């Protein structure tokens, strides 16, 4: 019998994520395949591309006041209330 099951390696012990149809003390042969992970440089390149895209989106935001009646001068009043 041969089947594939995912497991977690924890403190020196492989823990299957699904029940195994095996009797206690059964001898098995394991083939370990670690999940492929992107190379660190690929991760960094992806993060840089995402950051560049974010900055481009920020640059497209309007640079004009929204005329809602508030300005930075009213900052403390807006946050803390009261008269200034």
N, C-alpha and C. Protein backbone atom coordinates (compact mmCIF):
# COMPACT_ATOMS: atom_id res chain seq x y z
N UNK A 1 0.85 -1.17 0.00
CA UNK A 1 0.00 0.00 0.00
C UNK A 1 0.90 1.24 0.00
N UNK A 2 0.49 2.24 -0.77
CA UNK A 2 1.26 3.47 -0.86
C UNK A 2 0.29 4.63 -0.99
N UNK A 3 0.47 5.65 -0.19
CA UNK A 3 -0.33 6.86 -0.32
C UNK A 3 0.47 8.03 0.22
N UNK A 4 -0.04 9.21 -0.06
CA UNK A 4 0.64 10.45 0.30
C UNK A 4 -0.16 11.15 1.39
N UNK A 5 0.52 11.65 2.40
CA UNK A 5 -0.14 12.38 3.47
C UNK A 5 0.76 13.55 3.88
N UNK A 6 0.15 14.68 4.14
CA UNK A 6 0.90 15.84 4.62
C UNK A 6 1.18 15.67 6.11
N UNK A 7 2.31 16.21 6.55
CA UNK A 7 2.69 16.11 7.96
C UNK A 7 3.41 17.38 8.37
N UNK A 8 3.50 17.58 9.67
CA UNK A 8 4.25 18.69 10.24
C UNK A 8 5.41 18.11 11.03
N UNK A 9 6.59 18.65 10.84
CA UNK A 9 7.76 18.23 11.59
C UNK A 9 7.84 19.12 12.82
N UNK A 10 7.74 18.52 14.00
CA UNK A 10 7.69 19.29 15.24
C UNK A 10 8.60 18.66 16.28
N UNK A 11 9.68 19.36 16.62
CA UNK A 11 10.57 18.91 17.69
C UNK A 11 11.06 17.48 17.47
N UNK A 12 11.47 17.18 16.23
CA UNK A 12 12.03 15.87 15.92
C UNK A 12 11.02 14.79 15.58
N UNK A 13 9.74 15.13 15.52
CA UNK A 13 8.70 14.13 15.27
C UNK A 13 7.85 14.58 14.09
N UNK A 14 7.61 13.65 13.14
CA UNK A 14 6.69 13.92 12.04
C UNK A 14 5.27 13.63 12.52
N UNK A 15 4.39 14.63 12.38
CA UNK A 15 3.00 14.47 12.83
C UNK A 15 2.09 14.55 11.61
N UNK A 16 1.48 13.40 11.20
CA UNK A 16 0.58 13.42 10.04
C UNK A 16 -0.62 14.32 10.29
N UNK A 17 -1.08 14.98 9.23
CA UNK A 17 -2.24 15.86 9.34
C UNK A 17 -3.54 15.12 9.08
N UNK A 18 -3.46 13.84 8.77
CA UNK A 18 -4.64 13.01 8.56
C UNK A 18 -4.37 11.65 9.21
N UNK A 19 -5.43 10.95 9.59
CA UNK A 19 -5.22 9.62 10.19
C UNK A 19 -4.57 8.67 9.19
N UNK A 20 -3.74 7.79 9.69
CA UNK A 20 -3.08 6.79 8.85
C UNK A 20 -3.73 5.42 9.09
N UNK A 21 -3.99 4.72 7.99
CA UNK A 21 -4.58 3.38 8.10
C UNK A 21 -3.46 2.35 8.30
N UNK A 22 -2.81 2.44 9.45
CA UNK A 22 -1.68 1.56 9.77
C UNK A 22 -1.85 1.01 11.18
N UNK A 23 -1.43 -0.22 11.39
CA UNK A 23 -1.45 -0.73 12.76
C UNK A 23 -0.31 -0.11 13.57
N UNK A 24 -0.47 -0.08 14.89
CA UNK A 24 0.60 0.41 15.75
C UNK A 24 1.88 -0.37 15.51
N UNK A 25 3.00 0.32 15.60
CA UNK A 25 4.34 -0.26 15.43
C UNK A 25 4.61 -0.73 14.01
N UNK A 26 3.79 -0.32 13.03
CA UNK A 26 4.02 -0.71 11.63
C UNK A 26 5.28 -0.02 11.13
N UNK A 27 6.08 -0.74 10.41
CA UNK A 27 7.29 -0.20 9.81
C UNK A 27 6.94 0.37 8.45
N UNK A 28 7.38 1.59 8.17
CA UNK A 28 7.08 2.26 6.90
C UNK A 28 8.36 2.83 6.32
N UNK A 29 8.30 3.19 5.06
CA UNK A 29 9.40 3.88 4.39
C UNK A 29 8.90 5.28 4.05
N UNK A 30 9.66 6.29 4.45
CA UNK A 30 9.26 7.67 4.20
C UNK A 30 10.06 8.26 3.06
N UNK A 31 9.39 9.03 2.23
CA UNK A 31 10.04 9.88 1.24
C UNK A 31 9.65 11.30 1.59
N UNK A 32 10.61 12.11 1.96
CA UNK A 32 10.34 13.47 2.42
C UNK A 32 10.51 14.44 1.26
N UNK A 33 9.47 15.26 1.03
CA UNK A 33 9.53 16.31 0.02
C UNK A 33 9.14 17.61 0.70
N UNK A 34 10.10 18.48 0.90
CA UNK A 34 9.82 19.78 1.51
C UNK A 34 9.14 20.66 0.47
N UNK A 35 8.17 21.48 0.89
CA UNK A 35 7.52 22.38 -0.07
C UNK A 35 8.52 23.36 -0.65
N UNK A 36 8.37 23.63 -1.92
CA UNK A 36 9.28 24.57 -2.58
C UNK A 36 8.99 25.98 -2.06
N UNK A 37 10.04 26.70 -1.73
CA UNK A 37 9.86 28.09 -1.29
C UNK A 37 10.67 28.99 -2.22
N UNK A 38 10.13 30.16 -2.50
CA UNK A 38 10.85 31.08 -3.38
C UNK A 38 12.20 31.49 -2.77
N UNK A 39 13.14 31.69 -3.60
CA UNK A 39 14.45 32.16 -3.18
C UNK A 39 14.30 33.53 -2.52
N UNK A 40 15.14 33.84 -1.55
CA UNK A 40 15.05 35.12 -0.82
C UNK A 40 15.12 36.31 -1.77
N UNK A 41 15.95 36.22 -2.80
CA UNK A 41 16.05 37.35 -3.73
C UNK A 41 14.75 37.52 -4.51
N UNK A 42 14.06 36.42 -4.80
CA UNK A 42 12.77 36.52 -5.48
C UNK A 42 11.74 37.19 -4.57
N UNK A 43 11.77 36.84 -3.28
CA UNK A 43 10.85 37.47 -2.33
C UNK A 43 11.10 38.97 -2.25
N UNK A 44 12.36 39.35 -2.17
CA UNK A 44 12.71 40.77 -2.06
C UNK A 44 12.28 41.51 -3.32
N UNK A 45 12.51 40.90 -4.49
CA UNK A 45 12.11 41.54 -5.74
C UNK A 45 10.60 41.72 -5.78
N UNK A 46 9.86 40.74 -5.31
CA UNK A 46 8.41 40.85 -5.26
C UNK A 46 7.95 41.95 -4.33
N UNK A 47 8.61 42.07 -3.18
CA UNK A 47 8.26 43.12 -2.22
C UNK A 47 8.57 44.50 -2.79
N UNK A 48 9.71 44.63 -3.49
CA UNK A 48 10.06 45.91 -4.10
C UNK A 48 9.04 46.30 -5.16
N UNK A 49 8.60 45.32 -5.97
CA UNK A 49 7.61 45.59 -7.01
C UNK A 49 6.28 46.03 -6.37
N UNK A 50 5.88 45.37 -5.29
CA UNK A 50 4.64 45.74 -4.61
C UNK A 50 4.75 47.14 -4.03
N UNK A 51 5.90 47.47 -3.44
CA UNK A 51 6.10 48.81 -2.88
C UNK A 51 6.07 49.87 -3.98
N UNK A 52 6.70 49.57 -5.10
CA UNK A 52 6.70 50.52 -6.23
C UNK A 52 5.27 50.75 -6.71
N UNK A 53 4.48 49.69 -6.80
CA UNK A 53 3.09 49.82 -7.21
C UNK A 53 2.31 50.68 -6.21
N UNK A 54 2.56 50.47 -4.93
CA UNK A 54 1.89 51.26 -3.90
C UNK A 54 2.22 52.74 -4.05
N UNK A 55 3.51 53.06 -4.23
CA UNK A 55 3.91 54.46 -4.37
C UNK A 55 3.29 55.08 -5.61
N UNK A 56 3.17 54.32 -6.69
CA UNK A 56 2.53 54.84 -7.90
C UNK A 56 1.06 55.16 -7.64
N UNK A 57 0.39 54.30 -6.87
CA UNK A 57 -1.01 54.56 -6.53
C UNK A 57 -1.13 55.79 -5.63
N UNK A 58 -0.21 55.95 -4.68
CA UNK A 58 -0.22 57.13 -3.81
C UNK A 58 -0.01 58.38 -4.64
N UNK A 59 0.90 58.34 -5.61
CA UNK A 59 1.17 59.50 -6.46
C UNK A 59 -0.06 59.89 -7.29
N UNK A 60 -0.95 58.94 -7.57
CA UNK A 60 -2.15 59.25 -8.36
C UNK A 60 -3.27 59.86 -7.51
N UNK A 61 -3.11 59.87 -6.20
CA UNK A 61 -4.13 60.47 -5.34
C UNK A 61 -4.20 61.97 -5.58
N UNK A 62 -5.40 62.56 -5.50
CA UNK A 62 -5.52 64.00 -5.73
C UNK A 62 -4.74 64.79 -4.69
N UNK A 63 -4.12 65.86 -5.13
CA UNK A 63 -3.32 66.71 -4.25
C UNK A 63 -4.04 68.01 -3.93
N UNK A 64 -5.35 67.99 -3.99
CA UNK A 64 -6.13 69.21 -3.72
C UNK A 64 -6.92 69.01 -2.44
N UNK A 65 -7.20 70.09 -1.72
CA UNK A 65 -7.99 69.95 -0.50
C UNK A 65 -9.39 69.48 -0.83
N UNK A 66 -10.02 68.77 0.11
CA UNK A 66 -11.37 68.27 -0.14
C UNK A 66 -12.45 69.27 0.27
N UNK A 67 -12.07 70.42 0.79
CA UNK A 67 -13.00 71.49 1.15
C UNK A 67 -14.11 71.01 2.08
N UNK A 68 -13.75 70.19 3.07
CA UNK A 68 -14.75 69.71 4.01
C UNK A 68 -14.87 70.63 5.23
N UNK A 69 -14.15 71.74 5.23
CA UNK A 69 -14.25 72.68 6.33
C UNK A 69 -13.19 72.46 7.40
N UNK A 70 -12.41 71.45 7.30
CA UNK A 70 -11.35 71.18 8.27
C UNK A 70 -9.99 71.38 7.62
N UNK A 71 -9.04 71.79 8.42
CA UNK A 71 -7.67 71.90 7.94
C UNK A 71 -6.75 71.40 9.04
N UNK A 72 -5.49 71.41 8.79
CA UNK A 72 -4.55 70.97 9.82
C UNK A 72 -4.59 71.88 11.04
N UNK A 73 -5.07 73.09 10.86
CA UNK A 73 -5.17 74.02 11.99
C UNK A 73 -6.17 73.53 13.02
N UNK A 74 -7.19 72.78 12.58
CA UNK A 74 -8.20 72.28 13.49
C UNK A 74 -7.87 70.89 14.02
N UNK A 75 -6.67 70.44 13.80
CA UNK A 75 -6.26 69.09 14.19
C UNK A 75 -6.56 68.79 15.65
N UNK A 76 -6.08 69.64 16.57
CA UNK A 76 -6.29 69.39 18.00
C UNK A 76 -7.76 69.46 18.37
N UNK A 77 -8.48 70.39 17.78
CA UNK A 77 -9.90 70.50 18.08
C UNK A 77 -10.63 69.25 17.61
N UNK A 78 -10.29 68.77 16.45
CA UNK A 78 -10.93 67.56 15.92
C UNK A 78 -10.64 66.36 16.82
N UNK A 79 -9.39 66.23 17.27
CA UNK A 79 -9.01 65.07 18.07
C UNK A 79 -9.46 65.17 19.52
N UNK A 80 -9.33 66.36 20.12
CA UNK A 80 -9.53 66.48 21.56
C UNK A 80 -10.76 67.30 21.95
N UNK A 81 -11.39 67.94 20.97
CA UNK A 81 -12.56 68.75 21.26
C UNK A 81 -12.19 70.08 21.88
N UNK A 82 -13.19 70.88 22.20
CA UNK A 82 -12.94 72.15 22.86
C UNK A 82 -12.66 73.29 21.90
N UNK A 83 -12.58 74.47 22.45
CA UNK A 83 -12.32 75.69 21.66
C UNK A 83 -10.83 76.00 21.65
N UNK A 84 -10.41 76.63 20.59
CA UNK A 84 -9.02 77.06 20.51
C UNK A 84 -8.93 78.54 20.34
